[in-house]
Structures are given as structure tokens and as C-alpha cells.
């Protein structure tokens, strides 16, 4: 189950990285309209949260430490924050629906939070790999910890 957890955590990291690519695709789409960011929206609102939930279930089944299980579910909460940032930013648009300096300052946090999501996914993947494939103790670390070193 630990290898399944590591694999799903890896997929979650890939989906988070792809999310940046999909944002760029939407940003450079001409003419830009509501459908420009549809793939970005679908990946962010469906794929990443589902992978986070599946990875969390796998982490629990693999008896991962509680903090790691909590870290694995964190992307779902951060994606909710993404939606809140967009909603809050749009509250400060002008009467014609155009962005203002205030709305742009708030909406810019969407990218910062997105980088945080990627960072969390990277940490989860790294720790899931360590859990699935622990490194054997070396002679130096065994001696430093006061354990007997076996003769090879």
C-alpha cells in the first residue's frame, strides 16, 4: 500500500505541475474568453482534489504518520482557498466588471497559493517515496547511532 501511496502522490505532483502549464495555455489563448481556462479549472477543481483524496486514503491504509496524512489532504483545502481568492478578488472589480488595482492585488494571490500547492505536493511525494522505499542504514549511520555494525 505504501507504493500505491507514493504512486498516487507522484500523480498528484504531476497534476499540480500540469496546472501551471494549463494556466499558461489559458493566458496565451487568443481570443481569450471564459473557455480559455476550462482545462485549468477542471484539473484544479477535479483532478487534483480527487488525487489528494485517493492519496490520503492510501496514506491512511499504509499507516503513514498522522502529519503526513494531514499534509496529503492539504491540497484540497488550498484549492478551496483558490476559489475564495477568485471570489474575493472579483468583489473589488469596478461596476463594468473590469479589474481594479485592489482586485488584481488579491487575484495575484491565486498564483502564490498555486505555488504553495505545488510545494505541498512535492513534499508529500518526497515523503511518500521515503515511506515506500526507505534507505537502508549505512555503516556510518549505524555507528553514529551506537548500533553495532554488521561485518559484511
Protein backbone atom coordinates (compact mmCIF):
# COMPACT_ATOMS: atom_id res chain seq x y z
CA UNK A 1 0.00 0.00 0.00
CA UNK A 2 2.94 2.34 0.60
CA UNK A 3 3.99 2.04 -3.03
CA UNK A 4 0.44 2.82 -4.14
CA UNK A 5 0.53 5.89 -1.90
CA UNK A 6 3.83 7.00 -3.44
CA UNK A 7 2.48 6.46 -6.96
CA UNK A 8 -0.70 8.47 -6.34
CA UNK A 9 1.32 11.19 -4.60
CA UNK A 10 3.53 11.32 -7.71
CA UNK A 11 0.48 11.68 -9.94
CA UNK A 12 -0.78 14.47 -7.70
CA UNK A 13 2.54 16.30 -8.09
CA UNK A 14 2.43 15.87 -11.87
CA UNK A 15 -1.16 17.20 -11.94
CA UNK A 16 -0.10 20.23 -9.89
CA UNK A 17 2.77 20.97 -12.28
CA UNK A 18 0.49 20.49 -15.30
CA UNK A 19 -1.82 23.04 -13.66
CA UNK A 20 0.76 25.78 -14.28
CA UNK A 21 1.05 24.73 -17.93
CA UNK A 22 -2.74 24.85 -18.30
CA UNK A 23 -2.81 28.33 -16.75
CA UNK A 24 -0.29 29.49 -19.34
CA UNK A 25 -2.34 27.91 -22.14
CA UNK A 26 -5.36 29.88 -20.94
CA UNK A 27 -3.40 33.09 -20.54
CA UNK A 28 -2.00 32.94 -24.07
CA UNK A 29 -5.21 31.78 -25.79
CA UNK A 30 -6.40 34.24 -28.44
CA UNK A 31 -9.12 35.38 -28.41
CA UNK A 32 -9.37 34.91 -24.68
CA UNK A 33 -12.79 34.05 -23.31
CA UNK A 34 -14.34 32.03 -20.48
CA UNK A 35 -13.36 28.75 -22.16
CA UNK A 36 -9.68 29.72 -22.22
CA UNK A 37 -9.13 28.39 -18.71
CA UNK A 38 -11.52 25.40 -18.83
CA UNK A 39 -8.74 22.78 -18.68
CA UNK A 40 -7.04 24.70 -15.87
CA UNK A 41 -10.34 24.86 -13.98
CA UNK A 42 -11.16 21.17 -14.50
CA UNK A 43 -7.71 19.98 -13.46
CA UNK A 44 -7.71 22.23 -10.41
CA UNK A 45 -11.24 21.59 -9.27
CA UNK A 46 -11.50 17.88 -10.05
CA UNK A 47 -8.26 16.05 -10.83
CA UNK A 48 -6.01 17.41 -8.07
CA UNK A 49 -8.65 17.13 -5.31
CA UNK A 50 -9.55 13.56 -6.31
CA UNK A 51 -5.88 12.57 -6.36
CA UNK A 52 -5.41 14.23 -2.97
CA UNK A 53 -8.35 12.29 -1.51
CA UNK A 54 -7.17 8.99 -3.00
CA UNK A 55 -3.62 9.63 -1.81
CA UNK A 56 -4.93 10.45 1.67
CA UNK A 57 -6.86 7.18 1.80
CA UNK A 58 -3.76 5.32 0.62
CA UNK A 59 -1.62 7.09 3.23
CA UNK A 60 -4.04 6.09 5.97
CA UNK A 61 -4.12 2.50 4.71
CA UNK A 62 -0.32 2.48 4.58
CA UNK A 63 -0.24 3.63 8.22
CA UNK A 64 1.66 6.78 7.34
CA UNK A 65 2.34 9.22 10.19
CA UNK A 66 -0.61 11.47 11.03
CA UNK A 67 1.19 14.64 9.95
CA UNK A 68 1.87 13.14 6.54
CA UNK A 69 -1.78 12.13 6.17
CA UNK A 70 -2.76 15.72 7.05
CA UNK A 71 -0.26 17.11 4.57
CA UNK A 72 -1.66 14.83 1.88
CA UNK A 73 -5.19 16.22 2.28
CA UNK A 74 -3.93 19.83 2.44
CA UNK A 75 -4.12 20.43 -1.35
CA UNK A 76 -7.92 20.07 -1.14
CA UNK A 77 -8.06 22.90 1.40
CA UNK A 78 -5.66 25.03 -0.61
CA UNK A 79 -7.81 24.55 -3.73
CA UNK A 80 -10.79 25.82 -1.76
CA UNK A 81 -8.65 28.86 -0.92
CA UNK A 82 -8.01 29.27 -4.67
CA UNK A 83 -11.76 29.63 -5.26
CA UNK A 84 -12.08 32.04 -2.35
CA UNK A 85 -9.28 34.19 -3.77
CA UNK A 86 -11.06 34.42 -7.13
CA UNK A 87 -14.38 35.24 -5.47
CA UNK A 88 -12.87 37.85 -3.18
CA UNK A 89 -10.88 39.43 -5.99
CA UNK A 90 -13.96 39.78 -8.19
CA UNK A 91 -15.76 41.66 -5.38
CA UNK A 92 -13.35 44.53 -5.99
CA UNK A 93 -13.92 44.78 -9.76
CA UNK A 94 -15.43 48.05 -10.97
CA UNK A 95 -19.10 48.44 -11.94
CA UNK A 96 -18.34 47.40 -15.54
CA UNK A 97 -16.71 44.16 -14.35
CA UNK A 98 -13.16 45.28 -15.07
CA UNK A 99 -10.37 44.54 -12.62
CA UNK A 100 -9.05 47.25 -10.35
CA UNK A 101 -5.70 47.60 -8.62
CA UNK A 102 -7.24 46.08 -5.48
CA UNK A 103 -8.81 43.13 -7.30
CA UNK A 104 -5.53 42.45 -9.13
CA UNK A 105 -3.59 42.52 -5.85
CA UNK A 106 -5.96 39.92 -4.42
CA UNK A 107 -6.11 37.83 -7.60
CA UNK A 108 -2.31 37.70 -7.70
CA UNK A 109 -2.50 35.58 -4.54
CA UNK A 110 -4.01 32.86 -6.75
CA UNK A 111 -0.57 32.27 -8.28
CA UNK A 112 1.18 32.38 -4.90
CA UNK A 113 -1.28 29.85 -3.46
CA UNK A 114 -0.81 27.72 -6.59
CA UNK A 115 2.92 27.60 -5.94
CA UNK A 116 2.16 26.60 -2.36
CA UNK A 117 0.02 23.73 -3.67
CA UNK A 118 2.90 22.53 -5.84
CA UNK A 119 5.28 22.78 -2.87
CA UNK A 120 2.96 20.74 -0.66
CA UNK A 121 2.56 18.12 -3.41
CA UNK A 122 6.35 17.90 -3.78
CA UNK A 123 6.86 17.40 -0.04
CA UNK A 124 4.10 14.76 0.06
CA UNK A 125 5.63 12.90 -2.87
CA UNK A 126 9.14 13.01 -1.40
CA UNK A 127 7.94 11.73 1.97
CA UNK A 128 5.71 9.09 0.39
CA UNK A 129 8.73 7.80 -1.56
CA UNK A 130 10.78 7.68 1.64
CA UNK A 131 7.98 5.73 3.30
CA UNK A 132 7.65 3.29 0.39
CA UNK A 133 11.35 2.81 -0.23
CA UNK A 134 13.26 3.53 3.00
CA UNK A 135 17.02 3.79 2.64
CA UNK A 136 18.89 1.04 4.43
CA UNK A 137 21.02 2.14 7.34
CA UNK A 138 24.64 2.60 6.34
CA UNK A 139 27.58 1.51 8.44
CA UNK A 140 28.43 5.14 9.23
CA UNK A 141 24.92 5.98 10.42
CA UNK A 142 24.70 2.75 12.41
CA UNK A 143 27.98 3.50 14.18
CA UNK A 144 26.94 7.12 14.82
CA UNK A 145 23.69 5.93 16.42
CA UNK A 146 25.55 3.46 18.63
CA UNK A 147 24.23 0.39 16.87
CA UNK A 148 26.58 -2.49 16.12
CA UNK A 149 27.89 -2.57 12.59
CA UNK A 150 27.50 -5.95 10.98
CA UNK A 151 30.52 -7.44 9.25
CA UNK A 152 29.99 -7.87 5.54
